């Protein structure tokens, strides 16, 4: 993940720049872009990393949720069977994933 790039764009989405690898000291600000202080970039990188780490459960869930077509099919069958509660197949499949990857 290119944290430096993400941090710059999070602070100034219109910034134009270039840099080598993840070297914060190599940033060259282009086309009149106002430089962003190194300390501000370091703070933003830490913030972005924390958010990323805290959202791990979302990434884990996303890979296990069934495709929308499959979910809609389960919902359709639950509706026609009158099971729009905790007994329905759609509910049980989604709940299992949420239980496996709970919010921290």
N, C-alpha and C. Protein backbone atom coordinates (compact mmCIF):
# COMPACT_ATOMS: atom_id res chain seq x y z
N UNK A 1 0.85 -1.17 0.00
CA UNK A 1 0.00 0.00 0.00
C UNK A 1 0.90 1.23 0.00
N UNK A 2 0.58 2.15 -0.86
CA UNK A 2 1.39 3.36 -0.96
C UNK A 2 0.84 4.41 0.00
N UNK A 3 1.27 4.33 1.25
CA UNK A 3 0.75 5.20 2.30
C UNK A 3 1.07 6.67 2.06
N UNK A 4 2.25 6.94 1.54
CA UNK A 4 2.64 8.32 1.31
C UNK A 4 1.72 8.96 0.26
N UNK A 5 1.49 8.26 -0.83
CA UNK A 5 0.60 8.76 -1.88
C UNK A 5 -0.79 9.02 -1.30
N UNK A 6 -1.32 8.05 -0.56
CA UNK A 6 -2.66 8.18 0.03
C UNK A 6 -2.73 9.36 1.00
N UNK A 7 -1.67 9.56 1.78
CA UNK A 7 -1.65 10.66 2.74
C UNK A 7 -1.67 12.01 2.03
N UNK A 8 -0.86 12.15 1.00
CA UNK A 8 -0.83 13.40 0.25
C UNK A 8 -2.20 13.70 -0.33
N UNK A 9 -2.79 12.71 -0.98
CA UNK A 9 -4.09 12.90 -1.62
C UNK A 9 -5.21 13.12 -0.61
N UNK A 10 -5.07 12.55 0.59
CA UNK A 10 -6.08 12.77 1.64
C UNK A 10 -6.02 14.21 2.14
N UNK A 11 -4.85 14.79 2.15
CA UNK A 11 -4.68 16.17 2.61
C UNK A 11 -5.02 17.16 1.50
N UNK A 12 -4.56 16.86 0.28
CA UNK A 12 -4.82 17.74 -0.86
C UNK A 12 -5.05 16.88 -2.10
N UNK A 13 -6.31 16.66 -2.42
CA UNK A 13 -6.63 15.77 -3.54
C UNK A 13 -6.14 16.29 -4.88
N UNK A 14 -5.84 17.59 -4.96
CA UNK A 14 -5.36 18.18 -6.22
C UNK A 14 -3.84 18.29 -6.28
N UNK A 15 -3.15 17.81 -5.28
CA UNK A 15 -1.69 17.93 -5.24
C UNK A 15 -1.05 17.22 -6.43
N UNK A 16 -0.02 17.84 -6.95
CA UNK A 16 0.78 17.24 -8.01
C UNK A 16 2.20 17.10 -7.45
N UNK A 17 2.76 15.90 -7.59
CA UNK A 17 4.03 15.61 -6.93
C UNK A 17 4.64 14.36 -7.53
N UNK A 18 5.87 14.13 -7.14
CA UNK A 18 6.52 12.86 -7.42
C UNK A 18 7.48 12.58 -6.28
N UNK A 19 7.78 11.29 -6.09
CA UNK A 19 8.72 10.90 -5.03
C UNK A 19 9.29 9.53 -5.36
N UNK A 20 10.36 9.20 -4.68
CA UNK A 20 11.01 7.90 -4.86
C UNK A 20 10.52 6.94 -3.78
N UNK A 21 9.98 5.79 -4.23
CA UNK A 21 9.53 4.76 -3.29
C UNK A 21 8.62 5.37 -2.24
N UNK A 22 8.91 5.10 -0.98
CA UNK A 22 8.15 5.66 0.14
C UNK A 22 8.99 6.69 0.88
N UNK A 23 9.91 7.33 0.19
CA UNK A 23 10.83 8.27 0.82
C UNK A 23 10.18 9.65 0.93
N UNK A 24 9.72 9.95 2.13
CA UNK A 24 9.03 11.21 2.37
C UNK A 24 9.93 12.42 2.10
N UNK A 25 11.24 12.22 2.22
CA UNK A 25 12.18 13.32 1.99
C UNK A 25 12.46 13.55 0.51
N UNK A 26 11.95 12.69 -0.35
CA UNK A 26 12.22 12.84 -1.79
C UNK A 26 11.07 13.50 -2.54
N UNK A 27 10.04 13.95 -1.83
CA UNK A 27 8.88 14.53 -2.51
C UNK A 27 9.28 15.80 -3.25
N UNK A 28 8.88 15.85 -4.50
CA UNK A 28 9.06 17.05 -5.31
C UNK A 28 7.65 17.54 -5.64
N UNK A 29 7.32 18.74 -5.20
CA UNK A 29 6.00 19.30 -5.42
C UNK A 29 5.98 19.96 -6.80
N UNK A 30 4.99 19.64 -7.59
CA UNK A 30 4.95 20.08 -8.99
C UNK A 30 3.83 21.09 -9.25
N UNK A 31 4.05 21.88 -10.29
CA UNK A 31 3.03 22.80 -10.82
C UNK A 31 2.41 23.70 -9.76
N UNK A 32 3.25 24.22 -8.88
CA UNK A 32 2.79 25.19 -7.89
C UNK A 32 2.05 24.60 -6.71
N UNK A 33 2.08 23.28 -6.55
CA UNK A 33 1.42 22.66 -5.40
C UNK A 33 2.10 23.13 -4.12
N UNK A 34 1.30 23.59 -3.19
CA UNK A 34 1.84 24.02 -1.89
C UNK A 34 2.36 22.79 -1.14
N UNK A 35 3.61 22.82 -0.72
CA UNK A 35 4.16 21.67 0.01
C UNK A 35 3.40 21.39 1.30
N UNK A 36 3.31 20.13 1.63
CA UNK A 36 2.68 19.70 2.88
C UNK A 36 3.81 19.36 3.85
N UNK A 37 3.69 19.83 5.05
CA UNK A 37 4.73 19.61 6.06
C UNK A 37 4.93 18.11 6.31
N UNK A 38 6.17 17.74 6.49
CA UNK A 38 6.52 16.34 6.76
C UNK A 38 5.76 15.81 7.97
N UNK A 39 5.66 16.61 9.02
CA UNK A 39 4.96 16.17 10.23
C UNK A 39 3.47 15.91 9.95
N UNK A 40 2.88 16.74 9.09
CA UNK A 40 1.48 16.54 8.73
C UNK A 40 1.30 15.23 7.93
N UNK A 41 2.24 14.96 7.06
CA UNK A 41 2.19 13.72 6.28
C UNK A 41 2.37 12.50 7.18
N UNK A 42 3.31 12.58 8.11
CA UNK A 42 3.53 11.46 9.03
C UNK A 42 2.30 11.20 9.90
N UNK A 43 1.66 12.27 10.34
CA UNK A 43 0.43 12.13 11.14
C UNK A 43 -0.67 11.49 10.31
N UNK A 44 -0.83 11.94 9.06
CA UNK A 44 -1.87 11.40 8.18
C UNK A 44 -1.61 9.94 7.85
N UNK A 45 -0.35 9.58 7.62
CA UNK A 45 0.00 8.17 7.34
C UNK A 45 -0.37 7.31 8.53
N UNK A 46 -0.04 7.75 9.73
CA UNK A 46 -0.39 6.98 10.94
C UNK A 46 -1.90 6.83 11.07
N UNK A 47 -2.63 7.89 10.78
CA UNK A 47 -4.09 7.87 10.86
C UNK A 47 -4.67 6.88 9.83
N UNK A 48 -4.17 6.93 8.60
CA UNK A 48 -4.65 6.04 7.55
C UNK A 48 -4.35 4.57 7.89
N UNK A 49 -3.18 4.32 8.43
CA UNK A 49 -2.82 2.95 8.81
C UNK A 49 -3.72 2.44 9.94
N UNK A 50 -4.01 3.29 10.90
CA UNK A 50 -4.89 2.91 12.01
C UNK A 50 -6.28 2.58 11.49
N UNK A 51 -6.80 3.42 10.62
CA UNK A 51 -8.12 3.17 10.03
C UNK A 51 -8.11 1.86 9.26
N UNK A 52 -7.07 1.64 8.48
CA UNK A 52 -6.94 0.40 7.70
C UNK A 52 -6.93 -0.81 8.63
N UNK A 53 -6.14 -0.76 9.68
CA UNK A 53 -6.06 -1.87 10.63
C UNK A 53 -7.40 -2.10 11.32
N UNK A 54 -8.08 -1.02 11.70
CA UNK A 54 -9.37 -1.14 12.38
C UNK A 54 -10.47 -1.69 11.48
N UNK A 55 -10.30 -1.57 10.19
CA UNK A 55 -11.32 -2.04 9.24
C UNK A 55 -11.03 -3.43 8.69
N UNK A 56 -10.14 -4.17 9.32
CA UNK A 56 -9.79 -5.51 8.84
C UNK A 56 -11.03 -6.40 8.75
N UNK A 57 -11.92 -6.30 9.73
CA UNK A 57 -13.12 -7.14 9.72
C UNK A 57 -13.95 -6.89 8.46
N UNK A 58 -13.97 -5.64 7.96
CA UNK A 58 -14.72 -5.33 6.75
C UNK A 58 -14.10 -6.02 5.53
N UNK A 59 -12.78 -5.99 5.46
CA UNK A 59 -12.11 -6.65 4.33
C UNK A 59 -12.32 -8.17 4.40
N UNK A 60 -12.25 -8.73 5.60
CA UNK A 60 -12.46 -10.17 5.76
C UNK A 60 -13.88 -10.56 5.39
N UNK A 61 -14.86 -9.79 5.84
CA UNK A 61 -16.25 -10.09 5.51
C UNK A 61 -16.48 -10.01 4.01
N UNK A 62 -15.94 -8.98 3.39
CA UNK A 62 -16.17 -8.75 1.96
C UNK A 62 -15.77 -9.97 1.13
N UNK A 63 -14.70 -10.63 1.51
CA UNK A 63 -14.24 -11.78 0.73
C UNK A 63 -15.11 -13.01 0.93
N UNK A 64 -15.89 -13.03 2.01
CA UNK A 64 -16.71 -14.22 2.30
C UNK A 64 -18.19 -14.05 1.99
N UNK A 65 -18.66 -12.82 1.88
CA UNK A 65 -20.07 -12.65 1.54
C UNK A 65 -20.35 -13.29 0.18
N UNK A 66 -21.50 -13.95 0.05
CA UNK A 66 -21.86 -14.50 -1.26
C UNK A 66 -22.07 -13.37 -2.27
N UNK A 67 -21.97 -13.70 -3.54
CA UNK A 67 -22.24 -12.72 -4.58
C UNK A 67 -23.67 -12.22 -4.44
N UNK A 68 -23.94 -11.01 -4.94
CA UNK A 68 -25.27 -10.42 -4.80
C UNK A 68 -26.36 -11.32 -5.38
N UNK A 69 -26.09 -11.91 -6.53
CA UNK A 69 -27.09 -12.79 -7.14
C UNK A 69 -27.48 -13.93 -6.22
N UNK A 70 -26.51 -14.52 -5.57
CA UNK A 70 -26.77 -15.60 -4.62
C UNK A 70 -27.54 -15.08 -3.41
N UNK A 71 -27.16 -13.91 -2.92
CA UNK A 71 -27.87 -13.33 -1.78
C UNK A 71 -29.32 -13.02 -2.14
N UNK A 72 -29.53 -12.46 -3.33
CA UNK A 72 -30.89 -12.15 -3.75
C UNK A 72 -31.73 -13.41 -3.91
N UNK A 73 -31.11 -14.47 -4.41
CA UNK A 73 -31.83 -15.74 -4.55
C UNK A 73 -32.25 -16.26 -3.17
N UNK A 74 -31.35 -16.20 -2.20
CA UNK A 74 -31.69 -16.63 -0.84
C UNK A 74 -32.81 -15.77 -0.27
N UNK A 75 -32.73 -14.47 -0.49
CA UNK A 75 -33.79 -13.58 -0.01
C UNK A 75 -35.13 -13.91 -0.65
N UNK A 76 -35.11 -14.15 -1.95
CA UNK A 76 -36.34 -14.51 -2.66
C UNK A 76 -36.97 -15.76 -2.04
N UNK A 77 -36.16 -16.77 -1.82
CA UNK A 77 -36.67 -18.02 -1.25
C UNK A 77 -37.14 -17.81 0.20
N UNK A 78 -36.45 -16.96 0.94
CA UNK A 78 -36.89 -16.65 2.30
C UNK A 78 -38.24 -15.93 2.28
N UNK A 79 -38.39 -14.99 1.33
CA UNK A 79 -39.66 -14.25 1.23
C UNK A 79 -40.80 -15.20 0.89
N UNK A 80 -40.58 -16.06 -0.11
CA UNK A 80 -41.67 -16.96 -0.52
C UNK A 80 -41.97 -18.01 0.54
N UNK A 81 -41.00 -18.30 1.40
CA UNK A 81 -41.23 -19.26 2.48
C UNK A 81 -41.69 -18.58 3.76
N UNK A 82 -41.81 -17.24 3.71
CA UNK A 82 -42.23 -16.50 4.90
C UNK A 82 -41.20 -16.49 6.01
N UNK A 83 -39.93 -16.54 5.64
CA UNK A 83 -38.85 -16.60 6.64
C UNK A 83 -37.99 -15.34 6.60
N UNK A 84 -38.61 -14.21 6.83
CA UNK A 84 -37.85 -12.96 6.85
C UNK A 84 -37.43 -12.63 8.28
N UNK A 85 -36.88 -13.61 8.94
CA UNK A 85 -36.40 -13.43 10.31
C UNK A 85 -35.14 -14.27 10.49
N UNK A 86 -34.78 -14.56 11.70
CA UNK A 86 -33.54 -15.29 11.98
C UNK A 86 -33.55 -16.73 11.52
N UNK A 87 -34.68 -17.21 10.99
CA UNK A 87 -34.72 -18.60 10.50
C UNK A 87 -34.41 -18.69 9.01
N UNK A 88 -34.37 -17.55 8.32
CA UNK A 88 -34.13 -17.55 6.87
C UNK A 88 -32.68 -17.86 6.51
N UNK A 89 -32.49 -18.46 5.34
CA UNK A 89 -31.15 -18.85 4.88
C UNK A 89 -30.25 -17.65 4.64
N UNK A 90 -30.82 -16.57 4.07
CA UNK A 90 -30.01 -15.38 3.84
C UNK A 90 -29.50 -14.83 5.17
N UNK A 91 -30.39 -14.69 6.13
CA UNK A 91 -30.01 -14.17 7.43
C UNK A 91 -28.94 -15.04 8.07
N UNK A 92 -29.13 -16.34 8.05
CA UNK A 92 -28.17 -17.24 8.69
C UNK A 92 -26.80 -17.17 8.02
N UNK A 93 -26.77 -17.06 6.68
CA UNK A 93 -25.47 -17.01 5.99
C UNK A 93 -24.73 -15.72 6.28
N UNK A 94 -25.45 -14.60 6.31
CA UNK A 94 -24.82 -13.31 6.59
C UNK A 94 -24.40 -13.23 8.06
N UNK A 95 -25.24 -13.69 8.95
CA UNK A 95 -24.92 -13.67 10.38
C UNK A 95 -23.68 -14.50 10.69
N UNK A 96 -23.53 -15.65 10.03
CA UNK A 96 -22.36 -16.50 10.26
C UNK A 96 -21.07 -15.74 9.93
N UNK A 97 -21.08 -14.97 8.85
CA UNK A 97 -19.90 -14.20 8.46
C UNK A 97 -19.66 -13.06 9.45
N UNK A 98 -20.72 -12.38 9.85
CA UNK A 98 -20.57 -11.29 10.81
C UNK A 98 -20.08 -11.81 12.16
N UNK A 99 -20.54 -13.00 12.54
CA UNK A 99 -20.07 -13.60 13.80
C UNK A 99 -18.59 -14.02 13.69
N UNK A 100 -18.21 -14.50 12.52
CA UNK A 100 -16.83 -14.94 12.31
C UNK A 100 -15.86 -13.76 12.33
N UNK A 101 -16.30 -12.60 11.80
CA UNK A 101 -15.46 -11.41 11.75
C UNK A 101 -16.21 -10.26 12.43
N UNK A 102 -16.26 -10.24 13.76
CA UNK A 102 -17.00 -9.19 14.46
C UNK A 102 -16.28 -7.85 14.41
N UNK A 103 -17.07 -6.80 14.59
CA UNK A 103 -16.46 -5.48 14.73
C UNK A 103 -15.69 -5.50 16.04
N UNK A 104 -14.52 -4.89 16.02
CA UNK A 104 -13.68 -4.88 17.21
C UNK A 104 -14.24 -3.97 18.27
